[in-house]
C-alpha cells in the first residue's frame, strides 16, 4: 500500500500552518493543553516521532477516497 496511516501530536499552531487545506486528515482531536492528536493518510510520517498505526475500516474508506482524488 503506497499510503500509510500515521498518528501523532502537534500544537494548534502547527496544525494551522501545515494541515488547513490538507485532505489527508482522517481524524483530529483537541486535547485542551494547546495540543492536538491527528490521524492522517500519507506515504511518510509528516513529523519526526509520529507512529505508523494499523488502518481501520474507516481509514480504508479515507485511503480509497484520497487515492482516487490524486
N, C-alpha and C. Protein backbone atom coordinates (compact mmCIF):
# COMPACT_ATOMS: atom_id res chain seq x y z
N UNK A 1 0.85 -1.17 0.00
CA UNK A 1 0.00 0.00 0.00
C UNK A 1 0.90 1.24 0.00
N UNK A 2 0.71 2.15 -0.97
CA UNK A 2 1.58 3.32 -1.03
C UNK A 2 1.33 4.32 0.09
N UNK A 3 0.13 4.30 0.65
CA UNK A 3 -0.17 5.22 1.74
C UNK A 3 -0.28 4.47 3.04
N UNK A 4 0.12 5.14 4.12
CA UNK A 4 0.07 4.56 5.46
C UNK A 4 -0.74 5.48 6.36
N UNK A 5 -1.13 4.98 7.49
CA UNK A 5 -1.86 5.78 8.47
C UNK A 5 -0.87 6.15 9.58
N UNK A 6 -0.81 7.43 9.88
CA UNK A 6 0.10 7.96 10.89
C UNK A 6 -0.71 8.68 11.96
N UNK A 7 -0.21 8.61 13.19
CA UNK A 7 -0.86 9.30 14.30
C UNK A 7 0.21 9.99 15.13
N UNK A 8 -0.12 11.22 15.55
CA UNK A 8 0.84 11.95 16.36
C UNK A 8 0.21 13.20 16.96
N UNK A 9 1.02 13.88 17.76
CA UNK A 9 0.57 15.11 18.43
C UNK A 9 1.30 16.30 17.85
N UNK A 10 0.55 17.39 17.70
CA UNK A 10 1.14 18.67 17.26
C UNK A 10 0.44 19.79 18.01
N UNK A 11 1.02 20.98 17.92
CA UNK A 11 0.38 22.14 18.52
C UNK A 11 -0.70 22.65 17.57
N UNK A 12 -1.61 23.46 18.11
CA UNK A 12 -2.64 24.06 17.26
C UNK A 12 -2.01 24.94 16.18
N UNK A 13 -0.91 25.61 16.53
CA UNK A 13 -0.23 26.46 15.56
C UNK A 13 0.33 25.64 14.40
N UNK A 14 0.94 24.49 14.71
CA UNK A 14 1.44 23.61 13.65
C UNK A 14 0.29 23.12 12.77
N UNK A 15 -0.83 22.80 13.39
CA UNK A 15 -2.00 22.35 12.64
C UNK A 15 -2.43 23.43 11.65
N UNK A 16 -2.52 24.66 12.11
CA UNK A 16 -2.96 25.76 11.25
C UNK A 16 -1.97 26.01 10.11
N UNK A 17 -0.69 25.81 10.36
CA UNK A 17 0.32 26.04 9.32
C UNK A 17 0.38 24.93 8.29
N UNK A 18 0.25 23.68 8.72
CA UNK A 18 0.53 22.55 7.84
C UNK A 18 -0.69 21.77 7.36
N UNK A 19 -1.82 21.87 8.03
CA UNK A 19 -2.93 20.98 7.70
C UNK A 19 -4.25 21.67 7.36
N UNK A 20 -4.27 22.96 7.15
CA UNK A 20 -5.54 23.65 6.94
C UNK A 20 -6.23 23.27 5.63
N UNK A 21 -5.49 22.97 4.58
CA UNK A 21 -6.10 22.61 3.31
C UNK A 21 -5.80 21.17 2.92
N UNK A 22 -5.30 20.40 3.83
CA UNK A 22 -4.89 19.03 3.53
C UNK A 22 -6.08 18.07 3.61
N UNK A 23 -6.32 17.33 2.54
CA UNK A 23 -7.43 16.38 2.52
C UNK A 23 -7.06 15.03 3.12
N UNK A 24 -5.83 14.88 3.59
CA UNK A 24 -5.39 13.58 4.09
C UNK A 24 -5.69 13.36 5.57
N UNK A 25 -6.35 14.30 6.22
CA UNK A 25 -6.68 14.15 7.64
C UNK A 25 -7.86 13.20 7.79
N UNK A 26 -7.68 12.18 8.61
CA UNK A 26 -8.76 11.25 8.90
C UNK A 26 -9.51 11.69 10.14
N UNK A 27 -8.75 12.09 11.15
CA UNK A 27 -9.36 12.45 12.43
C UNK A 27 -8.43 13.41 13.17
N UNK A 28 -9.02 14.36 13.89
CA UNK A 28 -8.21 15.18 14.78
C UNK A 28 -9.02 15.49 16.03
N UNK A 29 -8.28 15.63 17.13
CA UNK A 29 -8.91 15.95 18.42
C UNK A 29 -8.07 16.99 19.13
N UNK A 30 -8.75 17.98 19.67
CA UNK A 30 -8.06 18.95 20.52
C UNK A 30 -7.96 18.37 21.91
N UNK A 31 -6.79 18.50 22.51
CA UNK A 31 -6.55 17.90 23.81
C UNK A 31 -6.73 18.87 24.97
N UNK A 32 -6.91 20.15 24.67
CA UNK A 32 -7.16 21.12 25.73
C UNK A 32 -5.91 21.73 26.34
N UNK A 33 -4.75 21.22 25.99
CA UNK A 33 -3.50 21.77 26.52
C UNK A 33 -2.70 22.49 25.43
N UNK A 34 -3.43 22.92 24.38
CA UNK A 34 -2.76 23.57 23.25
C UNK A 34 -2.24 22.57 22.23
N UNK A 35 -2.49 21.30 22.48
CA UNK A 35 -2.03 20.24 21.59
C UNK A 35 -3.22 19.58 20.91
N UNK A 36 -2.92 18.90 19.81
CA UNK A 36 -3.93 18.14 19.07
C UNK A 36 -3.37 16.77 18.73
N UNK A 37 -4.24 15.80 18.65
CA UNK A 37 -3.88 14.48 18.14
C UNK A 37 -4.47 14.36 16.75
N UNK A 38 -3.64 13.98 15.78
CA UNK A 38 -4.10 13.82 14.41
C UNK A 38 -3.86 12.40 13.94
N UNK A 39 -4.72 11.95 13.06
CA UNK A 39 -4.58 10.68 12.37
C UNK A 39 -4.69 11.03 10.89
N UNK A 40 -3.65 10.74 10.10
CA UNK A 40 -3.62 11.14 8.71
C UNK A 40 -3.21 9.99 7.79
N UNK A 41 -3.46 10.18 6.50
CA UNK A 41 -3.01 9.26 5.46
C UNK A 41 -1.86 9.94 4.73
N UNK A 42 -0.72 9.26 4.65
CA UNK A 42 0.44 9.82 3.95
C UNK A 42 1.42 8.70 3.64
N UNK A 43 2.26 8.92 2.65
CA UNK A 43 3.28 7.94 2.30
C UNK A 43 4.37 7.88 3.38
N UNK A 44 4.65 9.04 3.99
CA UNK A 44 5.69 9.12 5.03
C UNK A 44 5.17 9.93 6.21
N UNK A 45 5.79 9.75 7.35
CA UNK A 45 5.39 10.49 8.56
C UNK A 45 5.59 11.99 8.32
N UNK A 46 4.61 12.81 8.68
CA UNK A 46 4.74 14.26 8.46
C UNK A 46 5.72 14.93 9.42
N UNK A 47 5.89 14.36 10.59
CA UNK A 47 6.81 14.90 11.60
C UNK A 47 7.56 13.75 12.25
N UNK A 48 8.75 14.04 12.72
CA UNK A 48 9.53 13.04 13.46
C UNK A 48 8.76 12.62 14.71
N UNK A 49 8.76 11.34 15.00
CA UNK A 49 8.13 10.84 16.22
C UNK A 49 6.69 10.39 16.04
N UNK A 50 6.13 10.56 14.84
CA UNK A 50 4.78 10.07 14.60
C UNK A 50 4.82 8.57 14.43
N UNK A 51 3.75 7.91 14.84
CA UNK A 51 3.68 6.45 14.79
C UNK A 51 2.84 5.98 13.62
N UNK A 52 3.34 4.97 12.92
CA UNK A 52 2.51 4.31 11.92
C UNK A 52 1.57 3.39 12.69
N UNK A 53 0.27 3.48 12.40
CA UNK A 53 -0.72 2.68 13.11
C UNK A 53 -1.47 1.81 12.10
N UNK A 54 -1.98 0.67 12.55
CA UNK A 54 -2.73 -0.19 11.63
C UNK A 54 -4.00 0.51 11.16
N UNK A 55 -4.31 0.42 9.87
CA UNK A 55 -5.52 1.06 9.38
C UNK A 55 -6.79 0.34 9.83
N UNK A 56 -7.80 1.12 10.13
CA UNK A 56 -9.11 0.58 10.49
C UNK A 56 -9.97 0.57 9.23
N UNK A 57 -11.19 0.08 9.34
CA UNK A 57 -12.11 0.12 8.20
C UNK A 57 -12.41 1.56 7.80
N UNK A 58 -12.56 2.44 8.78
CA UNK A 58 -12.78 3.85 8.49
C UNK A 58 -11.59 4.44 7.74
N UNK A 59 -10.38 4.08 8.17
CA UNK A 59 -9.18 4.55 7.49
C UNK A 59 -9.16 4.09 6.04
N UNK A 60 -9.57 2.84 5.80
CA UNK A 60 -9.58 2.29 4.44
C UNK A 60 -10.48 3.12 3.53
N UNK A 61 -11.61 3.57 4.06
CA UNK A 61 -12.51 4.44 3.29
C UNK A 61 -11.78 5.72 2.88
N UNK A 62 -11.10 6.37 3.82
CA UNK A 62 -10.41 7.61 3.52
C UNK A 62 -9.22 7.39 2.60
N UNK A 63 -8.51 6.29 2.76
CA UNK A 63 -7.39 5.98 1.88
C UNK A 63 -7.90 5.82 0.44
N UNK A 64 -8.98 5.10 0.29
CA UNK A 64 -9.55 4.92 -1.05
C UNK A 64 -9.99 6.26 -1.65
N UNK A 65 -10.65 7.06 -0.85
CA UNK A 65 -11.09 8.38 -1.31
C UNK A 65 -9.89 9.25 -1.66
N UNK A 66 -8.86 9.22 -0.84
CA UNK A 66 -7.67 10.03 -1.05
C UNK A 66 -6.93 9.61 -2.32
N UNK A 67 -6.79 8.31 -2.54
CA UNK A 67 -6.04 7.84 -3.71
C UNK A 67 -6.82 8.07 -5.00
N UNK A 68 -8.13 8.08 -4.94
CA UNK A 68 -8.92 8.34 -6.16
C UNK A 68 -8.88 9.82 -6.54
N UNK A 69 -8.64 10.70 -5.58
CA UNK A 69 -8.62 12.13 -5.89
C UNK A 69 -7.25 12.61 -6.36
N UNK A 70 -6.27 11.77 -6.32
CA UNK A 70 -4.90 12.13 -6.73
C UNK A 70 -4.71 11.93 -8.22
